Structures are given as C-alpha cells and as structure tokens.
Amino acid sequence: MNYLRLVKITGIIFILLVLLLNVPYILLIQNFEYDDILRESVDYVLQKFQTGGAGLILTWFTFGFAALLFVPASILLHQIMEREDTPYLKTATCMGVLSGILQSVGLMRWVFVVPILANLYTSSTASSATQEAVSVVYQVVHQYGGVVIGEYLGQTLLVFWTLGVGVAMLHSSLFKSWIAYFGLMTVPLLILGHSELFATAMPSLPVLELTPIGFILWEVWIFMIGISLLRVPPHRVFMN
C-alpha cells in the first residue's frame, strides 16, 4: 500500500476510535447512569440493567467493539512510525494490542455475562437465596473482569503504550513535538488514577480521582493524532 495512503487511513481510524468510544459512553451516561451506577447496590444495578433491555446490551457491545478497534489502530501507527532509532516501539505496540483486547474483554462482560445475571436476579420466580447467589457472582465478575482485567491490566498496558508512542513521536516527522508532550502528560494522571482500583480491595487507601481527567485528555490526544495524520504535508510524510 502507498505510504501516504497508509498514513491517512491510520488517521481516519484514530478519529473513528474516538467517536466509537464516546457515542456509546454518552448513551450509557444518559440511559444507565454510567459510571456512577457502579457505586450503587447490586440490586439497583441489575434492576436498571434489566430495564435497559436489548438497546442497552447493544450499547455495551458497541463500547466493547470500540475498545477492540484500538488493536488495528496500534498496529497501523507502528507501521507508519517505525524507525531504526525507536526499537522500543515494537514492545509498546504489543502492549497497545494487548490493552485493546483486555479492555474489550472487560467491557464485554456487560454483553455476555451481566444479562444472564440480571435475568436470574429479576425473575419473578427468583428466591432470596438465588438473588444472594447472583449478587455474589456479579461482584466477583465485576471485580475480576472489570477491575482486574479491563481496568488495571488494560489501562496499565495502555499507559506503557502511551509512553512508548509519545517518546517515538519526538523522533517522527509526522507529528509536532507538542503533540508528543501532550500525550506524555496524561501518563502520570492515568497512573495515579489507579488508586481507585486498589481502593476497591483496600478501602483505607487514599483515592485520587484522576482517571476521568486523564482519559479525557488521552482521548483528546488520540483525536489530535488522527487530525495530525490527515493534515500532515506530503513532504513531511516521506521525511519520516
């Protein structure tokens, strides 16, 4: 494929990634009280989820698919940025691919696991014992699939991808240096935001609610990557 065309396609995919992440996210805020609902009781969450029906499940599926789109985005960015003086970029790309997969797995619990639990919990024939059992299963699935796999592992790998790509950008003619520094700026915010995850197991730990700020800035950075690749002059493309 023509190199200039590959650069433009990569830019389009990064812009689509931001759109596909934010459209379902906004719908979840409007229709499911996300992500404040995660602090509510299991009874409230499952009742609310059951009320959402197929539309809510499809919204979660779109959100999970958007996270999976980060896999080809990472690979394409690696292909257009790879240089002899950035050997670490290959490792960063592998981390980006794994991050996309793990975050998608974490989100897909709302598509393939939670609906079953919600059906069991809200069934007119469900006994109190059944509801208690479902409640325990939900909490385990949420903690392991969501917190451990999707958030901690997925986001930690994402931090290393951001770090590797940000440094590589400083060596690339495709991006201005301030864009690289903007991405690197999000790294400490995402790392400190992990305090929220550890607090789920150790409530006495202080919590720094920086993850939402970090991710908003990170998505702005991803959007800027896409715009930069679409607007980069041809002579700078072939200098890379």
C-alpha atoms as a PDB file:
ATOM      1  CA  MET A   1       0.000   0.000   0.000  1.00  0.00           C
ATOM      2  CA  ASN A   2       1.147   3.553  -0.767  1.00  0.00           C
ATOM      3  CA  TYR A   3       2.794   5.004   2.374  1.00  0.00           C
ATOM      4  CA  LEU A   4       0.947   8.332   2.200  1.00  0.00           C
ATOM      5  CA  ARG A   5      -2.357   6.483   1.862  1.00  0.00           C
ATOM      6  CA  LEU A   6      -1.494   4.320   4.875  1.00  0.00           C
ATOM      7  CA  VAL A   7      -0.815   7.452   6.927  1.00  0.00           C
ATOM      8  CA  LYS A   8      -4.218   8.890   6.012  1.00  0.00           C
ATOM      9  CA  ILE A   9      -6.046   5.611   6.744  1.00  0.00           C
ATOM     10  CA  THR A  10      -4.369   5.458  10.148  1.00  0.00           C
ATOM     11  CA  GLY A  11      -5.553   8.983  10.861  1.00  0.00           C
ATOM     12  CA  ILE A  12      -9.132   8.087   9.946  1.00  0.00           C
ATOM     13  CA  ILE A  13      -9.091   5.026  12.202  1.00  0.00           C
ATOM     14  CA  PHE A  14      -7.863   7.082  15.172  1.00  0.00           C
ATOM     15  CA  ILE A  15     -10.670   9.587  14.660  1.00  0.00           C
ATOM     16  CA  LEU A  16     -13.225   6.759  14.345  1.00  0.00           C
ATOM     17  CA  LEU A  17     -11.828   5.248  17.528  1.00  0.00           C
ATOM     18  CA  VAL A  18     -12.602   8.409  19.486  1.00  0.00           C
ATOM     19  CA  LEU A  19     -16.112   8.662  18.009  1.00  0.00           C
ATOM     20  CA  LEU A  20     -16.913   4.999  18.671  1.00  0.00           C
ATOM     21  CA  LEU A  21     -15.708   5.306  22.250  1.00  0.00           C
ATOM     22  CA  ASN A  22     -17.673   8.439  23.047  1.00  0.00           C
ATOM     23  CA  VAL A  23     -21.030   7.778  21.370  1.00  0.00           C
ATOM     24  CA  PRO A  24     -21.835   4.650  23.447  1.00  0.00           C
ATOM     25  CA  TYR A  25     -20.254   6.247  26.510  1.00  0.00           C
ATOM     26  CA  ILE A  26     -22.613   9.229  26.275  1.00  0.00           C
ATOM     27  CA  LEU A  27     -25.567   6.875  25.751  1.00  0.00           C
ATOM     28  CA  LEU A  28     -24.552   4.895  28.836  1.00  0.00           C
ATOM     29  CA  ILE A  29     -24.432   8.103  30.873  1.00  0.00           C
ATOM     30  CA  GLN A  30     -27.919   9.032  29.687  1.00  0.00           C
ATOM     31  CA  ASN A  31     -29.577   5.608  29.858  1.00  0.00           C
ATOM     32  CA  PHE A  32     -27.651   3.717  32.523  1.00  0.00           C
ATOM     33  CA  GLU A  33     -26.251   6.398  34.862  1.00  0.00           C
ATOM     34  CA  TYR A  34     -22.733   5.216  33.989  1.00  0.00           C
ATOM     35  CA  ASP A  35     -20.314   5.259  35.649  1.00  0.00           C
ATOM     36  CA  ASP A  36     -21.876   6.452  38.910  1.00  0.00           C
ATOM     37  CA  ILE A  37     -24.082   3.353  38.831  1.00  0.00           C
ATOM     38  CA  LEU A  38     -21.041   1.182  39.591  1.00  0.00           C
ATOM     39  CA  ARG A  39     -21.137   2.571  43.141  1.00  0.00           C
ATOM     40  CA  GLU A  40     -24.776   1.568  43.608  1.00  0.00           C
ATOM     41  CA  SER A  41     -26.066  -1.664  45.167  1.00  0.00           C
ATOM     42  CA  VAL A  42     -26.145  -4.872  43.124  1.00  0.00           C
ATOM     43  CA  ASP A  43     -29.936  -4.858  43.307  1.00  0.00           C
ATOM     44  CA  TYR A  44     -30.115  -1.378  41.773  1.00  0.00           C
ATOM     45  CA  VAL A  45     -27.581  -2.166  39.029  1.00  0.00           C
ATOM     46  CA  LEU A  46     -29.231  -5.397  37.898  1.00  0.00           C
ATOM     47  CA  GLN A  47     -32.749  -3.971  38.027  1.00  0.00           C
ATOM     48  CA  LYS A  48     -31.620  -0.962  35.999  1.00  0.00           C
ATOM     49  CA  PHE A  49     -29.776  -3.184  33.537  1.00  0.00           C
ATOM     50  CA  GLN A  50     -32.802  -5.414  33.001  1.00  0.00           C
ATOM     51  CA  THR A  51     -34.943  -2.360  32.319  1.00  0.00           C
ATOM     52  CA  GLY A  52     -32.495  -1.242  29.620  1.00  0.00           C
ATOM     53  CA  GLY A  53     -33.237  -4.308  27.504  1.00  0.00           C
ATOM     54  CA  ALA A  54     -31.573  -5.149  24.184  1.00  0.00           C
ATOM     55  CA  GLY A  55     -30.776  -1.499  23.430  1.00  0.00           C
ATOM     56  CA  LEU A  56     -28.545  -1.250  26.498  1.00  0.00           C
ATOM     57  CA  ILE A  57     -26.780  -4.514  25.628  1.00  0.00           C
ATOM     58  CA  LEU A  58     -26.099  -3.258  22.089  1.00  0.00           C
ATOM     59  CA  THR A  59     -24.711  -0.028  23.520  1.00  0.00           C
ATOM     60  CA  TRP A  60     -22.291  -2.017  25.659  1.00  0.00           C
ATOM     61  CA  PHE A  61     -21.361  -4.132  22.644  1.00  0.00           C
ATOM     62  CA  THR A  62     -20.509  -1.003  20.659  1.00  0.00           C
ATOM     63  CA  PHE A  63     -18.400   0.254  23.565  1.00  0.00           C
ATOM     64  CA  GLY A  64     -16.549  -3.070  23.757  1.00  0.00           C
ATOM     65  CA  PHE A  65     -16.045  -3.169  19.985  1.00  0.00           C
ATOM     66  CA  ALA A  66     -14.628   0.352  20.055  1.00  0.00           C
ATOM     67  CA  ALA A  67     -12.008  -0.769  22.566  1.00  0.00           C
ATOM     68  CA  LEU A  68     -11.112  -3.636  20.230  1.00  0.00           C
ATOM     69  CA  LEU A  69     -10.607  -1.135  17.392  1.00  0.00           C
ATOM     70  CA  PHE A  70      -7.551   0.047  19.329  1.00  0.00           C
ATOM     71  CA  VAL A  71      -5.797  -3.139  18.157  1.00  0.00           C
ATOM     72  CA  PRO A  72      -5.591  -2.260  14.430  1.00  0.00           C
ATOM     73  CA  ALA A  73      -5.052   1.401  15.335  1.00  0.00           C
ATOM     74  CA  SER A  74      -1.938   0.485  17.354  1.00  0.00           C
ATOM     75  CA  ILE A  75      -0.591  -1.767  14.603  1.00  0.00           C
ATOM     76  CA  LEU A  76      -1.104   0.807  11.845  1.00  0.00           C
ATOM     77  CA  LEU A  77       0.521   3.562  13.895  1.00  0.00           C
ATOM     78  CA  HIS A  78       3.507   1.292  14.444  1.00  0.00           C
ATOM     79  CA  GLN A  79       3.810   0.652  10.717  1.00  0.00           C
ATOM     80  CA  ILE A  80       3.955   4.343   9.819  1.00  0.00           C
ATOM     81  CA  MET A  81       6.210   5.366  12.741  1.00  0.00           C
ATOM     82  CA  GLU A  82       8.711   2.508  12.927  1.00  0.00           C
ATOM     83  CA  ARG A  83      12.329   3.659  12.650  1.00  0.00           C
ATOM     84  CA  GLU A  84      15.726   2.179  13.429  1.00  0.00           C
ATOM     85  CA  ASP A  85      16.153   4.562  16.375  1.00  0.00           C
ATOM     86  CA  THR A  86      12.861   3.534  18.015  1.00  0.00           C
ATOM     87  CA  PRO A  87      13.336  -0.195  18.753  1.00  0.00           C
ATOM     88  CA  TYR A  88      11.112   0.108  21.836  1.00  0.00           C
ATOM     89  CA  LEU A  89       8.118   0.950  19.642  1.00  0.00           C
ATOM     90  CA  LYS A  90       7.559  -2.724  18.820  1.00  0.00           C
ATOM     91  CA  THR A  91       7.184  -3.537  22.516  1.00  0.00           C
ATOM     92  CA  ALA A  92       4.879  -0.558  23.025  1.00  0.00           C
ATOM     93  CA  THR A  93       2.722  -1.706  20.106  1.00  0.00           C
ATOM     94  CA  CYS A  94       2.394  -5.198  21.576  1.00  0.00           C
ATOM     95  CA  MET A  95       1.254  -3.595  24.820  1.00  0.00           C
ATOM     96  CA  GLY A  96      -1.266  -1.482  22.910  1.00  0.00           C
ATOM     97  CA  VAL A  97      -2.682  -4.553  21.186  1.00  0.00           C
ATOM     98  CA  LEU A  98      -2.992  -6.425  24.497  1.00  0.00           C
ATOM     99  CA  SER A  99      -4.551  -3.368  26.118  1.00  0.00           C
ATOM    100  CA  GLY A 100      -7.256  -3.170  23.464  1.00  0.00           C
ATOM    101  CA  ILE A 101      -8.043  -6.866  23.825  1.00  0.00           C
ATOM    102  CA  LEU A 102      -8.154  -6.816  27.635  1.00  0.00           C
ATOM    103  CA  GLN A 103     -10.271  -3.679  27.844  1.00  0.00           C
ATOM    104  CA  SER A 104     -12.688  -5.143  25.297  1.00  0.00           C
ATOM    105  CA  VAL A 105     -12.895  -8.387  27.314  1.00  0.00           C
ATOM    106  CA  GLY A 106     -13.654  -6.370  30.439  1.00  0.00           C
ATOM    107  CA  LEU A 107     -16.429  -4.401  28.753  1.00  0.00           C
ATOM    108  CA  MET A 108     -17.950  -7.443  27.059  1.00  0.00           C
ATOM    109  CA  ARG A 109     -18.980  -8.833  30.447  1.00  0.00           C
ATOM    110  CA  TRP A 110     -21.918  -6.429  30.127  1.00  0.00           C
ATOM    111  CA  VAL A 111     -22.877  -8.133  26.861  1.00  0.00           C
ATOM    112  CA  PHE A 112     -22.468 -11.831  27.601  1.00  0.00           C
ATOM    113  CA  VAL A 113     -22.458 -12.246  31.412  1.00  0.00           C
ATOM    114  CA  VAL A 114     -24.431  -9.491  33.137  1.00  0.00           C
ATOM    115  CA  PRO A 115     -27.611 -10.066  31.045  1.00  0.00           C
ATOM    116  CA  ILE A 116     -27.787 -13.643  32.337  1.00  0.00           C
ATOM    117  CA  LEU A 117     -27.281 -12.478  35.918  1.00  0.00           C
ATOM    118  CA  ALA A 118     -29.889  -9.738  35.518  1.00  0.00           C
ATOM    119  CA  ASN A 119     -32.423 -12.233  34.120  1.00  0.00           C
ATOM    120  CA  LEU A 120     -31.875 -14.590  37.038  1.00  0.00           C
ATOM    121  CA  TYR A 121     -31.969 -11.833  39.625  1.00  0.00           C
ATOM    122  CA  THR A 122     -35.113 -10.091  38.365  1.00  0.00           C
ATOM    123  CA  SER A 123     -37.086 -13.236  37.521  1.00  0.00           C
ATOM    124  CA  SER A 124     -40.481 -13.383  39.222  1.00  0.00           C
ATOM    125  CA  THR A 125     -39.599 -16.887  40.408  1.00  0.00           C
ATOM    126  CA  ALA A 126     -36.207 -15.934  41.881  1.00  0.00           C
ATOM    127  CA  SER A 127     -35.897 -16.800  45.554  1.00  0.00           C
ATOM    128  CA  SER A 128     -33.919 -14.713  48.034  1.00  0.00           C
ATOM    129  CA  ALA A 129     -31.248 -17.434  48.007  1.00  0.00           C
ATOM    130  CA  THR A 130     -30.974 -17.188  44.213  1.00  0.00           C
ATOM    131  CA  GLN A 131     -30.685 -13.402  44.386  1.00  0.00           C
ATOM    132  CA  GLU A 132     -27.983 -13.613  47.033  1.00  0.00           C
ATOM    133  CA  ALA A 133     -26.035 -16.117  44.918  1.00  0.00           C
ATOM    134  CA  VAL A 134     -26.385 -13.938  41.799  1.00  0.00           C
ATOM    135  CA  SER A 135     -25.249 -10.925  43.805  1.00  0.00           C
ATOM    136  CA  VAL A 136     -22.053 -12.698  44.821  1.00  0.00           C
ATOM    137  CA  VAL A 137     -21.371 -13.854  41.259  1.00  0.00           C
ATOM    138  CA  TYR A 138     -21.957 -10.348  39.914  1.00  0.00           C
ATOM    139  CA  GLN A 139     -19.498  -8.829  42.374  1.00  0.00           C
ATOM    140  CA  VAL A 140     -16.841 -11.415  41.516  1.00  0.00           C
ATOM    141  CA  VAL A 141     -17.345 -10.959  37.765  1.00  0.00           C
ATOM    142  CA  HIS A 142     -17.306  -7.179  38.136  1.00  0.00           C
ATOM    143  CA  GLN A 143     -14.169  -7.175  40.267  1.00  0.00           C
ATOM    144  CA  TYR A 144     -12.215  -9.676  38.173  1.00  0.00           C
ATOM    145  CA  GLY A 145     -13.492  -8.974  34.667  1.00  0.00           C
ATOM    146  CA  GLY A 146     -13.866  -5.238  35.132  1.00  0.00           C
ATOM    147  CA  VAL A 147     -11.340  -4.054  37.707  1.00  0.00           C
ATOM    148  CA  VAL A 148      -8.548  -6.612  37.231  1.00  0.00           C
ATOM    149  CA  ILE A 149      -8.683  -7.413  33.505  1.00  0.00           C
ATOM    150  CA  GLY A 150     -10.274  -4.377  31.892  1.00  0.00           C
ATOM    151  CA  GLU A 151      -9.166  -1.547  34.135  1.00  0.00           C
ATOM    152  CA  TYR A 152      -5.941  -2.499  35.902  1.00  0.00           C
ATOM    153  CA  LEU A 153      -4.225  -4.706  33.296  1.00  0.00           C
ATOM    154  CA  GLY A 154      -5.796  -2.993  30.273  1.00  0.00           C
ATOM    155  CA  GLN A 155      -5.084   0.519  31.487  1.00  0.00           C
ATOM    156  CA  THR A 156      -1.588  -0.284  32.753  1.00  0.00           C
ATOM    157  CA  LEU A 157      -0.636  -1.609  29.317  1.00  0.00           C
ATOM    158  CA  LEU A 158      -2.256   1.475  27.802  1.00  0.00           C
ATOM    159  CA  VAL A 159      -0.014   3.685  29.936  1.00  0.00           C
ATOM    160  CA  PHE A 160       3.105   1.930  28.627  1.00  0.00           C
ATOM    161  CA  TRP A 161       1.810   2.197  25.043  1.00  0.00           C
ATOM    162  CA  THR A 162       1.230   5.915  25.516  1.00  0.00           C
ATOM    163  CA  LEU A 163       4.704   6.336  26.961  1.00  0.00           C
ATOM    164  CA  GLY A 164       6.381   4.419  24.122  1.00  0.00           C
ATOM    165  CA  VAL A 165       4.406   6.120  21.360  1.00  0.00           C
ATOM    166  CA  GLY A 166       4.858   9.557  22.924  1.00  0.00           C
ATOM    167  CA  VAL A 167       8.628   9.179  23.016  1.00  0.00           C
ATOM    168  CA  ALA A 168       8.684   7.776  19.464  1.00  0.00           C
ATOM    169  CA  MET A 169       6.718  10.803  18.260  1.00  0.00           C
ATOM    170  CA  LEU A 170       9.613  13.025  19.269  1.00  0.00           C
ATOM    171  CA  HIS A 171      11.677  11.244  16.589  1.00  0.00           C
ATOM    172  CA  SER A 172       8.956  11.330  13.910  1.00  0.00           C
ATOM    173  CA  SER A 173       8.398  13.989  11.268  1.00  0.00           C
ATOM    174  CA  LEU A 174       4.703  13.067  11.216  1.00  0.00           C
ATOM    175  CA  PHE A 175       3.988  14.883  14.469  1.00  0.00           C
ATOM    176  CA  LYS A 176       4.922  18.151  16.084  1.00  0.00           C
ATOM    177  CA  SER A 177       6.741  17.760  19.380  1.00  0.00           C
ATOM    178  CA  TRP A 178       3.990  19.412  21.435  1.00  0.00           C
ATOM    179  CA  ILE A 179       1.600  16.609  20.465  1.00  0.00           C
ATOM    180  CA  ALA A 180       4.055  14.064  21.851  1.00  0.00           C
ATOM    181  CA  TYR A 181       4.377  16.010  25.110  1.00  0.00           C
ATOM    182  CA  PHE A 182       0.585  16.309  25.372  1.00  0.00           C
ATOM    183  CA  GLY A 183       0.289  12.518  25.284  1.00  0.00           C
ATOM    184  CA  LEU A 184       3.113  12.030  27.772  1.00  0.00           C
ATOM    185  CA  MET A 185       1.365  14.461  30.116  1.00  0.00           C
ATOM    186  CA  THR A 186      -1.533  12.016  30.518  1.00  0.00           C
ATOM    187  CA  VAL A 187       0.709   9.200  31.794  1.00  0.00           C
ATOM    188  CA  PRO A 188       1.082  10.350  35.443  1.00  0.00           C
ATOM    189  CA  LEU A 189      -2.648  11.101  35.641  1.00  0.00           C
ATOM    190  CA  LEU A 190      -3.541   7.580  34.497  1.00  0.00           C
ATOM    191  CA  ILE A 191      -1.012   6.005  36.863  1.00  0.00           C
ATOM    192  CA  LEU A 192      -2.192   7.972  39.913  1.00  0.00           C
ATOM    193  CA  GLY A 193      -5.778   7.183  38.959  1.00  0.00           C
ATOM    194  CA  HIS A 194      -5.063   3.525  39.706  1.00  0.00           C
ATOM    195  CA  SER A 195      -5.538   4.411  43.372  1.00  0.00           C
ATOM    196  CA  GLU A 196      -9.286   4.000  42.732  1.00  0.00           C
ATOM    197  CA  LEU A 197      -8.736   0.392  41.670  1.00  0.00           C
ATOM    198  CA  PHE A 198      -6.625  -0.517  44.698  1.00  0.00           C
ATOM    199  CA  ALA A 199      -9.203   1.140  46.961  1.00  0.00           C
ATOM    200  CA  THR A 200     -11.775  -1.483  45.877  1.00  0.00           C
ATOM    201  CA  ALA A 201      -9.698  -4.060  47.756  1.00  0.00           C
ATOM    202  CA  MET A 202      -8.166  -1.752  50.381  1.00  0.00           C
ATOM    203  CA  PRO A 203     -10.807   0.887  51.239  1.00  0.00           C
ATOM    204  CA  SER A 204      -8.492   2.668  53.672  1.00  0.00           C
ATOM    205  CA  LEU A 205      -6.177   3.784  50.851  1.00  0.00           C
ATOM    206  CA  PRO A 206      -6.463   7.421  49.739  1.00  0.00           C
ATOM    207  CA  VAL A 207      -8.148   7.815  46.340  1.00  0.00           C
ATOM    208  CA  LEU A 208      -7.021  10.262  43.677  1.00  0.00           C
ATOM    209  CA  GLU A 209      -9.895  10.584  41.201  1.00  0.00           C
ATOM    210  CA  LEU A 210      -7.682  11.470  38.262  1.00  0.00           C
ATOM    211  CA  THR A 211      -8.638   8.702  35.842  1.00  0.00           C
ATOM    212  CA  PRO A 212     -11.591  10.580  34.266  1.00  0.00           C
ATOM    213  CA  ILE A 213      -9.410  13.661  33.685  1.00  0.00           C
ATOM    214  CA  GLY A 214      -6.578  11.507  32.371  1.00  0.00           C
ATOM    215  CA  PHE A 215      -8.819   9.657  29.927  1.00  0.00           C
ATOM    216  CA  ILE A 216     -10.496  12.808  28.639  1.00  0.00           C
ATOM    217  CA  LEU A 217      -7.090  14.289  27.886  1.00  0.00           C
ATOM    218  CA  TRP A 218      -5.906  10.957  26.445  1.00  0.00           C
ATOM    219  CA  GLU A 219      -8.865  10.824  24.052  1.00  0.00           C
ATOM    220  CA  VAL A 220      -8.190  14.424  23.019  1.00  0.00           C
ATOM    221  CA  TRP A 221      -4.624  13.297  22.262  1.00  0.00           C
ATOM    222  CA  ILE A 222      -5.854  10.324  20.224  1.00  0.00           C
ATOM    223  CA  PHE A 223      -8.093  12.675  18.245  1.00  0.00           C
ATOM    224  CA  MET A 224      -5.152  15.014  17.674  1.00  0.00           C
ATOM    225  CA  ILE A 225      -3.110  12.078  16.356  1.00  0.00           C
ATOM    226  CA  GLY A 226      -5.833  11.370  13.806  1.00  0.00           C
ATOM    227  CA  ILE A 227      -6.138  15.008  12.730  1.00  0.00           C
ATOM    228  CA  SER A 228      -2.359  15.386  12.517  1.00  0.00           C
ATOM    229  CA  LEU A 229      -2.035  12.348  10.248  1.00  0.00           C
ATOM    230  CA  LEU A 230      -4.781  13.609   7.950  1.00  0.00           C
ATOM    231  CA  ARG A 231      -3.240  17.068   7.702  1.00  0.00           C
ATOM    232  CA  VAL A 232       0.471  16.241   7.601  1.00  0.00           C
ATOM    233  CA  PRO A 233       2.082  17.667   4.418  1.00  0.00           C
ATOM    234  CA  PRO A 234       3.321  15.036   1.930  1.00  0.00           C
ATOM    235  CA  HIS A 235       6.936  16.262   2.153  1.00  0.00           C
ATOM    236  CA  ARG A 236       6.961  15.606   5.914  1.00  0.00           C
ATOM    237  CA  VAL A 237       5.429  12.161   5.415  1.00  0.00           C
ATOM    238  CA  PHE A 238       8.377  10.983   3.375  1.00  0.00           C
ATOM    239  CA  MET A 239      10.897  12.509   5.810  1.00  0.00           C
ATOM    240  CA  ASN A 240       9.841  10.018   8.487  1.00  0.00           C
END
